[in-house]
Amino acid sequence: MVALAKIGLDLSVIGNYESLRYLGYALTFFWVNGLGNAYLRIRQETATPDRWTVYYLLIVLLGSLLVFGLFSSALPLLGSTFLNTPDLAFGTAFGTFLLGQLSGTVVEQEAIADQASARLLTYSVTSNVLQLVLFIFPLLLGWPFQLAMWGLATSAVYRLGWTFMRYMRTKEVKLPPKEERSTFWTSASGLSIYGLTGLGVLIVDQFLVTYQRADPQAVLAIWRYGAQELPLIMGVVGGMSSTALAEMKQGISEMLENLKRRSQKVNRVFLVLVIVLCATSKWWFPLVLTEQFYGAHVIFNTILLILPTRLVQTTPLMISLDMERTMTITAIVESLINVCVSLALLPSLGLLGIAVGTVIAYWFERIVYVVLLSRKQHSLSEYLNIKEWLIGTVILFAAYFLQTDFSALTI
């Protein structure tokens, strides 16, 4: 993001790239996350883990090929449906990139299940550094953006190579037992539906941002550069959730104890970091990016208010208690709240109104989860240090209202 802004690319070009990123997330996250969590759960219960690695790989490859086909042949349709604009480019290149990225989740999930942190770190660091170099280097040389997109696509070769090597290490090529497959698909389908309904908030936001805009891609660039929440936090929170699921065989009590211990460490780091970023963003945003993105700091600060909800780790416990259906219903209501609040605030607040609707929706979801778990005799204090979290959250909201330059956002 910083490089794209500093290189001086046109906002429409940046908007095109951000549109592809958004479409990739919308088309993949719900089912990849559902399959991954179900895989981690079944790996703790099966006597044939290698079979499950191969089975998971086959499913992800099929899904990846379908997504690749959509980006290669139906990009105008995707753009019109999700973003109110059919004028998007580089679909085949980005689809190739996604093919490698999605296949590589097999490497990540297997490493988490095996608690092989060195393998996971090696794969993650090398694949992401290579991806960054292949994408940014052509732009720094002044080459056309198309070459940068195909550089991004080339990184898929490395990820697919890792995936193939993990496959060659497996000893079992038979299908898992039928009863295990039934358990897996029950969990995976429930989690995927939950993820799909949860995407409603994101889809509503992107559509409202671009709806009836003269230059939807330029507006989307401002929105996407602001609506980043906090870099790394999604990966950290996802890793905590996956690790907790991998430890589920040790019992819920021990899982929650480990989850609370890790959450406390993450809270201390990220709450302090996000408070500092929120309090100073109106100064560093135009310096790190450019002046044309100054107004985006208002969106950035607003979306940061979601972070305290991310740090309340309810998902592992709810999955272990088979509460996927409840999660899905809550996500549907969350999306409806986001739609209503965003539409109500959009005429007067513009993009800020959409951001506020998103924050309210996420807070509603997490509060509901905490209440439902408490009714199942699992209090918030079991998996969160409430005092530290509450103090950090109050300071964050204070920094938001005192330090955000709301007049900077005119869209």
Protein backbone atom coordinates (compact mmCIF):
# COMPACT_ATOMS: atom_id res chain seq x y z
CA MET A 1 0.00 0.00 0.00
CA VAL A 2 2.72 2.46 0.95
CA ALA A 3 4.71 1.65 -2.17
CA LEU A 4 1.70 2.01 -4.47
CA ALA A 5 0.93 5.43 -2.99
CA LYS A 6 4.54 6.67 -3.00
CA ILE A 7 5.21 5.51 -6.56
CA GLY A 8 2.49 7.90 -7.61
CA LEU A 9 0.06 5.54 -9.31
CA ASP A 10 -3.27 6.96 -10.35
CA LEU A 11 -6.07 6.45 -7.83
CA SER A 12 -8.05 4.48 -10.42
CA VAL A 13 -5.15 2.02 -10.88
CA ILE A 14 -4.84 1.58 -7.11
CA GLY A 15 -8.62 1.20 -6.94
CA ASN A 16 -8.49 -1.56 -9.56
CA TYR A 17 -5.91 -3.46 -7.52
CA GLU A 18 -7.86 -2.98 -4.29
CA SER A 19 -11.01 -4.15 -6.10
CA LEU A 20 -9.26 -7.39 -7.03
CA ARG A 21 -8.09 -7.86 -3.44
CA TYR A 22 -11.61 -7.33 -2.16
CA LEU A 23 -13.17 -9.71 -4.70
CA GLY A 24 -10.57 -12.35 -3.86
CA TYR A 25 -11.38 -12.07 -0.18
CA ALA A 26 -15.14 -12.12 -0.77
CA LEU A 27 -14.96 -15.22 -2.97
CA THR A 28 -12.60 -17.28 -0.83
CA PHE A 29 -12.38 -16.34 2.83
CA PHE A 30 -15.68 -17.87 3.98
CA TRP A 31 -15.04 -21.36 2.62
CA VAL A 32 -11.26 -21.46 3.17
CA ASN A 33 -11.71 -20.43 6.81
CA GLY A 34 -14.53 -22.93 7.28
CA LEU A 35 -12.58 -25.80 5.75
CA GLY A 36 -9.42 -24.88 7.66
CA ASN A 37 -11.07 -24.79 11.08
CA ALA A 38 -12.94 -28.03 10.38
CA TYR A 39 -9.67 -29.63 9.26
CA LEU A 40 -7.87 -28.58 12.44
CA ARG A 41 -10.70 -29.99 14.51
CA ILE A 42 -10.85 -33.35 12.75
CA ARG A 43 -7.05 -33.71 12.82
CA GLN A 44 -7.22 -33.82 16.61
CA GLU A 45 -9.68 -36.72 16.53
CA THR A 46 -8.49 -38.93 13.67
CA ALA A 47 -6.03 -41.80 13.57
CA THR A 48 -5.22 -41.10 9.90
CA PRO A 49 -3.97 -37.49 9.70
CA ASP A 50 -2.18 -37.97 6.35
CA ARG A 51 -5.44 -38.93 4.68
CA TRP A 52 -6.95 -35.70 5.88
CA THR A 53 -4.07 -33.64 4.48
CA VAL A 54 -4.64 -35.13 1.03
CA TYR A 55 -8.42 -34.77 1.31
CA TYR A 56 -8.16 -31.14 2.38
CA LEU A 57 -5.70 -30.46 -0.44
CA LEU A 58 -8.04 -31.88 -3.09
CA ILE A 59 -10.97 -29.78 -1.85
CA VAL A 60 -8.91 -26.57 -1.76
CA LEU A 61 -7.48 -27.22 -5.23
CA LEU A 62 -10.97 -27.66 -6.68
CA GLY A 63 -12.12 -24.44 -5.05
CA SER A 64 -9.00 -22.62 -6.20
CA LEU A 65 -9.53 -23.67 -9.82
CA LEU A 66 -13.12 -22.45 -9.67
CA VAL A 67 -12.02 -19.05 -8.34
CA PHE A 68 -9.32 -18.87 -11.02
CA GLY A 69 -11.95 -19.52 -13.68
CA LEU A 70 -14.18 -16.74 -12.32
CA PHE A 71 -11.37 -14.18 -12.34
CA SER A 72 -10.22 -15.26 -15.82
CA SER A 73 -13.59 -15.33 -17.57
CA ALA A 74 -16.17 -13.48 -15.47
CA LEU A 75 -14.36 -10.45 -14.02
CA PRO A 76 -16.74 -7.86 -15.54
CA LEU A 77 -19.68 -9.74 -14.03
CA LEU A 78 -17.98 -9.87 -10.63
CA GLY A 79 -17.18 -6.16 -10.80
CA SER A 80 -20.74 -5.24 -11.73
CA THR A 81 -22.25 -7.46 -9.02
CA PHE A 82 -20.01 -6.56 -6.12
CA LEU A 83 -18.63 -3.12 -6.96
CA ASN A 84 -20.99 -1.39 -9.36
CA THR A 85 -18.24 -1.29 -12.00
CA PRO A 86 -17.43 -3.79 -14.78
CA ASP A 87 -14.23 -1.96 -15.77
CA LEU A 88 -11.64 -4.09 -13.99
CA ALA A 89 -8.42 -5.48 -15.41
CA PHE A 90 -5.75 -8.14 -14.67
CA GLY A 91 -8.22 -10.83 -13.61
CA THR A 92 -6.20 -13.77 -14.98
CA ALA A 93 -3.01 -12.62 -13.24
CA PHE A 94 -4.75 -12.14 -9.91
CA GLY A 95 -6.61 -15.43 -10.30
CA THR A 96 -3.26 -17.19 -10.77
CA PHE A 97 -1.95 -15.53 -7.62
CA LEU A 98 -5.01 -16.74 -5.69
CA LEU A 99 -4.51 -20.27 -7.02
CA GLY A 100 -1.15 -20.44 -5.30
CA GLN A 101 -2.23 -18.59 -2.18
CA LEU A 102 -5.25 -20.81 -1.55
CA SER A 103 -3.32 -24.01 -2.22
CA GLY A 104 -0.69 -22.86 0.24
CA THR A 105 -3.21 -22.86 3.08
CA VAL A 106 -2.67 -26.62 3.14
CA VAL A 107 0.93 -26.03 4.18
CA GLU A 108 -0.15 -23.57 6.87
CA GLN A 109 -2.96 -25.66 8.34
CA GLU A 110 -0.88 -28.83 8.42
CA ALA A 111 1.92 -26.98 10.23
CA ILE A 112 -0.54 -25.60 12.79
CA ALA A 113 -2.01 -29.07 13.34
CA ASP A 114 1.47 -30.55 13.77
CA GLN A 115 2.51 -27.57 15.97
CA ALA A 116 5.47 -27.18 13.60
CA SER A 117 6.12 -23.48 14.19
CA ALA A 118 9.50 -23.44 12.38
CA ARG A 119 7.96 -24.88 9.21
CA LEU A 120 5.05 -22.43 9.37
CA LEU A 121 7.36 -19.44 9.90
CA THR A 122 9.71 -20.49 7.09
CA TYR A 123 6.88 -20.91 4.61
CA SER A 124 5.06 -17.71 5.59
CA VAL A 125 8.11 -15.45 5.58
CA THR A 126 9.68 -16.74 2.36
CA SER A 127 6.44 -16.86 0.36
CA ASN A 128 5.33 -13.38 1.41
CA VAL A 129 8.74 -11.77 0.89
CA LEU A 130 8.95 -13.31 -2.57
CA GLN A 131 5.42 -12.13 -3.37
CA LEU A 132 6.28 -8.57 -2.29
CA VAL A 133 9.51 -8.45 -4.29
CA LEU A 134 7.92 -9.80 -7.48
CA PHE A 135 5.08 -7.29 -7.21
CA ILE A 136 6.91 -4.13 -6.13
CA PHE A 137 10.21 -4.47 -7.99
CA PRO A 138 8.72 -3.91 -11.49
CA LEU A 139 6.90 -0.79 -10.24
CA LEU A 140 10.08 0.65 -8.74
CA LEU A 141 11.73 0.21 -12.14
CA GLY A 142 8.91 2.14 -13.76
CA TRP A 143 7.57 -0.84 -15.68
CA PRO A 144 3.84 -1.11 -16.56
CA PHE A 145 1.47 -2.17 -13.81
CA GLN A 146 0.57 -5.24 -15.85
CA LEU A 147 4.09 -6.64 -15.33
CA ALA A 148 3.76 -6.11 -11.57
CA MET A 149 0.50 -8.08 -11.60
CA TRP A 150 2.15 -10.95 -13.46
CA GLY A 151 5.03 -10.79 -11.00
CA LEU A 152 2.42 -11.27 -8.28
CA ALA A 153 1.03 -14.21 -10.23
CA THR A 154 4.49 -15.79 -10.51
CA SER A 155 4.67 -16.09 -6.71
CA ALA A 156 2.02 -18.82 -7.04
CA VAL A 157 4.70 -21.17 -8.42
CA TYR A 158 6.61 -21.06 -5.14
CA ARG A 159 3.50 -21.72 -3.04
CA LEU A 160 2.39 -24.57 -5.29
CA GLY A 161 5.89 -26.06 -4.98
CA TRP A 162 5.59 -26.12 -1.20
CA THR A 163 2.15 -27.68 -1.46
CA PHE A 164 3.46 -30.41 -3.75
CA MET A 165 6.34 -31.18 -1.38
CA ARG A 166 3.95 -31.55 1.55
CA TYR A 167 1.78 -33.84 -0.53
CA MET A 168 4.78 -36.05 -1.43
CA ARG A 169 5.52 -36.52 2.28
CA THR A 170 2.13 -38.07 3.00
CA LYS A 171 1.83 -41.82 3.47
CA GLU A 172 -1.91 -42.19 2.97
CA VAL A 173 -3.73 -41.56 -0.29
CA LYS A 174 -7.04 -43.19 0.60
CA LEU A 175 -10.12 -41.23 1.56
CA PRO A 176 -10.71 -40.70 5.29
CA PRO A 177 -13.35 -42.94 6.92
CA LYS A 178 -16.93 -42.11 5.96
CA GLU A 179 -18.03 -41.22 9.49
CA GLU A 180 -15.11 -38.78 9.85
CA ARG A 181 -15.95 -37.17 6.51
CA SER A 182 -19.52 -36.69 7.69
CA THR A 183 -18.30 -34.95 10.87
CA PHE A 184 -15.91 -32.81 8.85
CA TRP A 185 -18.53 -31.63 6.36
CA THR A 186 -21.05 -30.86 9.07
CA SER A 187 -18.55 -28.59 10.77
CA ALA A 188 -17.09 -27.13 7.55
CA SER A 189 -20.47 -26.34 6.01
CA GLY A 190 -21.71 -24.66 9.19
CA LEU A 191 -18.57 -22.56 9.51
CA SER A 192 -18.61 -21.68 5.79
CA ILE A 193 -22.23 -20.52 5.96
CA TYR A 194 -21.32 -18.46 9.02
CA GLY A 195 -18.39 -16.94 7.14
CA LEU A 196 -20.60 -16.24 4.12
CA THR A 197 -23.19 -14.43 6.21
CA GLY A 198 -20.42 -12.54 7.97
CA LEU A 199 -19.25 -11.26 4.60
CA GLY A 200 -22.48 -9.31 4.41
CA VAL A 201 -20.90 -6.45 6.36
CA LEU A 202 -17.97 -6.24 3.94
CA ILE A 203 -20.10 -6.54 0.80
CA VAL A 204 -22.53 -3.84 1.98
CA ASP A 205 -19.64 -1.50 2.74
CA GLN A 206 -17.94 -1.88 -0.63
CA PHE A 207 -21.17 -1.53 -2.58
CA LEU A 208 -22.27 1.60 -0.72
CA VAL A 209 -18.84 3.14 -1.19
CA THR A 210 -18.97 2.75 -4.99
CA TYR A 211 -22.71 3.16 -5.58
CA GLN A 212 -23.52 5.95 -8.07
CA ARG A 213 -20.00 7.39 -7.92
CA ALA A 214 -18.53 9.15 -10.95
CA ASP A 215 -15.18 7.41 -10.37
CA PRO A 216 -15.94 4.37 -8.17
CA GLN A 217 -12.41 2.97 -8.30
CA ALA A 218 -10.83 6.20 -7.05
CA VAL A 219 -13.32 6.41 -4.18
CA LEU A 220 -12.71 2.75 -3.40
CA ALA A 221 -8.96 3.44 -3.21
CA ILE A 222 -9.56 6.07 -0.50
CA TRP A 223 -11.89 3.71 1.37
CA ARG A 224 -9.66 0.66 1.16
CA TYR A 225 -6.55 2.57 2.26
CA GLY A 226 -8.44 3.82 5.27
CA ALA A 227 -10.45 0.71 6.12
CA GLN A 228 -7.44 -1.46 6.90
CA GLU A 229 -8.19 -2.04 10.58
CA LEU A 230 -4.68 -2.84 11.83
CA PRO A 231 -2.00 -4.54 9.76
CA LEU A 232 -1.09 -8.00 11.09
CA ILE A 233 -3.91 -8.21 13.66
CA MET A 234 -6.11 -10.47 11.53
CA GLY A 235 -3.23 -12.87 11.03
CA VAL A 236 -2.34 -12.84 14.72
CA VAL A 237 -5.95 -13.35 15.83
CA GLY A 238 -6.48 -16.08 13.23
CA GLY A 239 -3.32 -17.81 14.42
CA MET A 240 -4.50 -17.69 18.04
CA SER A 241 -7.85 -19.18 17.05
CA SER A 242 -6.27 -21.95 14.98
CA THR A 243 -3.78 -22.79 17.73
CA ALA A 244 -6.61 -23.01 20.26
CA LEU A 245 -8.50 -25.41 18.00
CA ALA A 246 -5.37 -27.52 17.57
CA GLU A 247 -5.15 -27.77 21.39
CA MET A 248 -8.79 -28.75 21.81
CA LYS A 249 -7.96 -32.42 22.39
CA GLN A 250 -6.35 -31.37 25.69
CA GLY A 251 -9.76 -30.27 26.99
CA ILE A 252 -11.70 -27.01 26.99
CA SER A 253 -10.31 -25.84 30.34
CA GLU A 254 -6.71 -26.06 29.23
CA MET A 255 -7.55 -24.58 25.83
CA LEU A 256 -9.18 -21.57 27.48
CA GLU A 257 -6.29 -21.12 29.90
CA ASN A 258 -3.80 -21.05 27.02
CA LEU A 259 -6.07 -18.78 25.00
CA LYS A 260 -6.35 -16.26 27.85
CA ARG A 261 -2.60 -16.26 28.38
CA ARG A 262 -1.91 -15.59 24.71
CA SER A 263 -4.71 -13.02 24.47
CA GLN A 264 -3.24 -11.06 27.36
CA LYS A 265 0.11 -10.79 25.60
CA VAL A 266 -1.53 -9.78 22.32
CA ASN A 267 -3.77 -7.25 24.06
CA ARG A 268 -0.83 -5.53 25.73
CA VAL A 269 0.98 -5.14 22.43
CA PHE A 270 -1.84 -4.31 20.03
CA LEU A 271 -4.01 -2.12 22.25
CA VAL A 272 -1.03 0.13 23.00
CA LEU A 273 -0.03 0.13 19.34
CA VAL A 274 -3.50 0.94 18.08
CA ILE A 275 -3.93 3.78 20.59
CA VAL A 276 -0.68 5.36 19.40
CA LEU A 277 -1.64 4.92 15.74
CA CYS A 278 -5.08 6.42 16.30
CA ALA A 279 -3.70 9.40 18.22
CA THR A 280 -1.08 10.22 15.58
CA SER A 281 -2.59 9.13 12.26
CA LYS A 282 -3.50 12.65 11.09
CA TRP A 283 0.24 13.44 11.13
CA TRP A 284 1.77 10.25 9.75
CA PHE A 285 -0.92 9.28 7.22
CA PRO A 286 0.03 11.92 4.59
CA LEU A 287 3.73 11.32 5.26
CA VAL A 288 3.66 7.53 4.93
CA LEU A 289 1.26 7.67 1.98
CA THR A 290 0.58 11.02 0.25
CA GLU A 291 -1.56 14.09 0.78
CA GLN A 292 -4.29 12.69 -1.44
CA PHE A 293 -4.90 10.00 1.21
CA TYR A 294 -5.06 12.40 4.17
CA GLY A 295 -8.84 12.11 4.47
CA ALA A 296 -8.53 8.32 4.65
CA HIS A 297 -7.10 8.63 8.18
CA VAL A 298 -10.65 9.34 9.42
CA ILE A 299 -11.78 5.98 8.05
CA PHE A 300 -8.64 4.34 9.43
CA ASN A 301 -9.22 5.66 12.94
CA THR A 302 -12.89 4.67 12.87
CA ILE A 303 -12.21 1.11 11.72
CA LEU A 304 -9.56 0.81 14.46
CA LEU A 305 -12.46 0.84 16.94
CA ILE A 306 -13.24 -2.71 15.81
CA LEU A 307 -9.93 -3.96 17.22
CA PRO A 308 -11.12 -4.47 20.84
CA THR A 309 -13.78 -6.88 19.54
CA ARG A 310 -11.12 -8.87 17.66
CA LEU A 311 -9.23 -9.36 20.90
CA VAL A 312 -12.23 -11.07 22.52
CA GLN A 313 -11.54 -14.59 21.25
CA THR A 314 -14.93 -16.34 21.26
CA THR A 315 -14.65 -18.36 18.03
CA PRO A 316 -12.57 -21.35 19.27
CA LEU A 317 -14.89 -21.92 22.22
CA MET A 318 -18.04 -21.60 20.09
CA ILE A 319 -16.71 -24.07 17.53
CA SER A 320 -15.80 -26.54 20.27
CA LEU A 321 -19.37 -26.21 21.61
CA ASP A 322 -20.89 -26.79 18.13
CA MET A 323 -22.48 -23.33 18.04
CA GLU A 324 -21.99 -22.75 14.29
CA ARG A 325 -25.73 -22.29 13.69
CA THR A 326 -25.93 -19.63 16.38
CA MET A 327 -22.93 -17.86 14.85
CA THR A 328 -24.63 -17.85 11.46
CA ILE A 329 -27.88 -16.35 12.78
CA THR A 330 -25.95 -13.67 14.65
CA ALA A 331 -23.94 -12.84 11.53
CA ILE A 332 -27.15 -12.36 9.53
CA VAL A 333 -28.52 -9.93 12.14
CA GLU A 334 -25.12 -8.20 12.19
CA SER A 335 -25.31 -7.61 8.44
CA LEU A 336 -28.82 -6.19 8.73
CA ILE A 337 -27.68 -3.79 11.44
CA ASN A 338 -24.79 -2.68 9.26
CA VAL A 339 -27.13 -2.03 6.32
CA CYS A 340 -29.61 -0.02 8.37
CA VAL A 341 -27.05 2.10 10.23
CA SER A 342 -24.91 2.73 7.14
CA LEU A 343 -27.89 3.79 5.03
CA ALA A 344 -29.13 6.04 7.82
CA LEU A 345 -25.76 7.80 8.23
CA LEU A 346 -24.60 7.82 4.60
CA PRO A 347 -26.49 10.99 3.51
CA SER A 348 -25.03 13.12 6.30
CA LEU A 349 -21.64 11.52 7.00
CA GLY A 350 -20.67 9.90 3.67
CA LEU A 351 -17.89 7.31 3.96
CA LEU A 352 -17.63 7.98 7.69
CA GLY A 353 -21.26 6.85 8.10
CA ILE A 354 -20.46 3.55 6.40
CA ALA A 355 -17.47 3.05 8.71
CA VAL A 356 -19.54 3.80 11.81
CA GLY A 357 -22.18 1.30 10.70
CA THR A 358 -19.46 -1.34 10.34
CA VAL A 359 -18.05 -0.69 13.82
CA ILE A 360 -21.49 -0.89 15.44
CA ALA A 361 -22.23 -4.16 13.64
CA TYR A 362 -18.98 -5.80 14.80
CA TRP A 363 -19.51 -4.72 18.39
CA PHE A 364 -23.04 -6.11 18.33
CA GLU A 365 -21.78 -9.49 17.11
CA ARG A 366 -19.11 -9.85 19.79
CA ILE A 367 -21.40 -8.75 22.63
CA VAL A 368 -23.96 -11.35 21.57
CA TYR A 369 -21.30 -14.09 21.52
CA VAL A 370 -20.07 -13.19 24.99
CA VAL A 371 -23.62 -13.26 26.38
CA LEU A 372 -24.42 -16.60 24.74
CA LEU A 373 -21.23 -18.19 26.07
CA SER A 374 -21.94 -16.88 29.56
CA ARG A 375 -25.29 -18.67 29.41
CA LYS A 376 -23.34 -21.85 28.76
CA GLN A 377 -21.33 -21.24 31.94
CA HIS A 378 -18.28 -19.79 30.21
CA SER A 379 -17.69 -16.28 31.51
CA LEU A 380 -15.65 -13.64 29.70
CA SER A 381 -12.97 -13.80 32.38
CA GLU A 382 -12.13 -17.37 31.33
CA TYR A 383 -10.61 -16.24 28.04
CA LEU A 384 -9.89 -12.52 28.51
CA ASN A 385 -8.17 -10.27 31.05
CA ILE A 386 -11.15 -7.93 31.35
CA LYS A 387 -9.51 -5.11 33.33
CA GLU A 388 -6.60 -4.56 30.93
CA TRP A 389 -8.87 -4.87 27.91
CA LEU A 390 -11.41 -2.39 29.27
CA ILE A 391 -8.80 0.23 30.18
CA GLY A 392 -7.21 -0.02 26.73
CA THR A 393 -10.58 0.21 25.00
CA VAL A 394 -11.61 3.35 26.91
CA ILE A 395 -8.29 5.06 26.10
CA LEU A 396 -8.67 4.09 22.42
CA PHE A 397 -12.12 5.69 22.16
CA ALA A 398 -10.83 8.82 23.92
CA ALA A 399 -7.92 9.09 21.47
CA TYR A 400 -10.34 8.64 18.57
CA PHE A 401 -12.64 11.52 19.52
CA LEU A 402 -9.83 13.85 20.57
CA GLN A 403 -7.33 13.30 17.76
CA THR A 404 -9.30 12.52 14.58
CA ASP A 405 -9.58 15.39 12.08
CA PHE A 406 -13.16 14.67 10.97
CA SER A 407 -13.18 17.71 8.65
CA ALA A 408 -10.55 16.05 6.44
CA LEU A 409 -13.01 13.55 4.95
CA THR A 410 -15.23 15.22 2.39
CA ILE A 411 -16.42 12.16 0.44
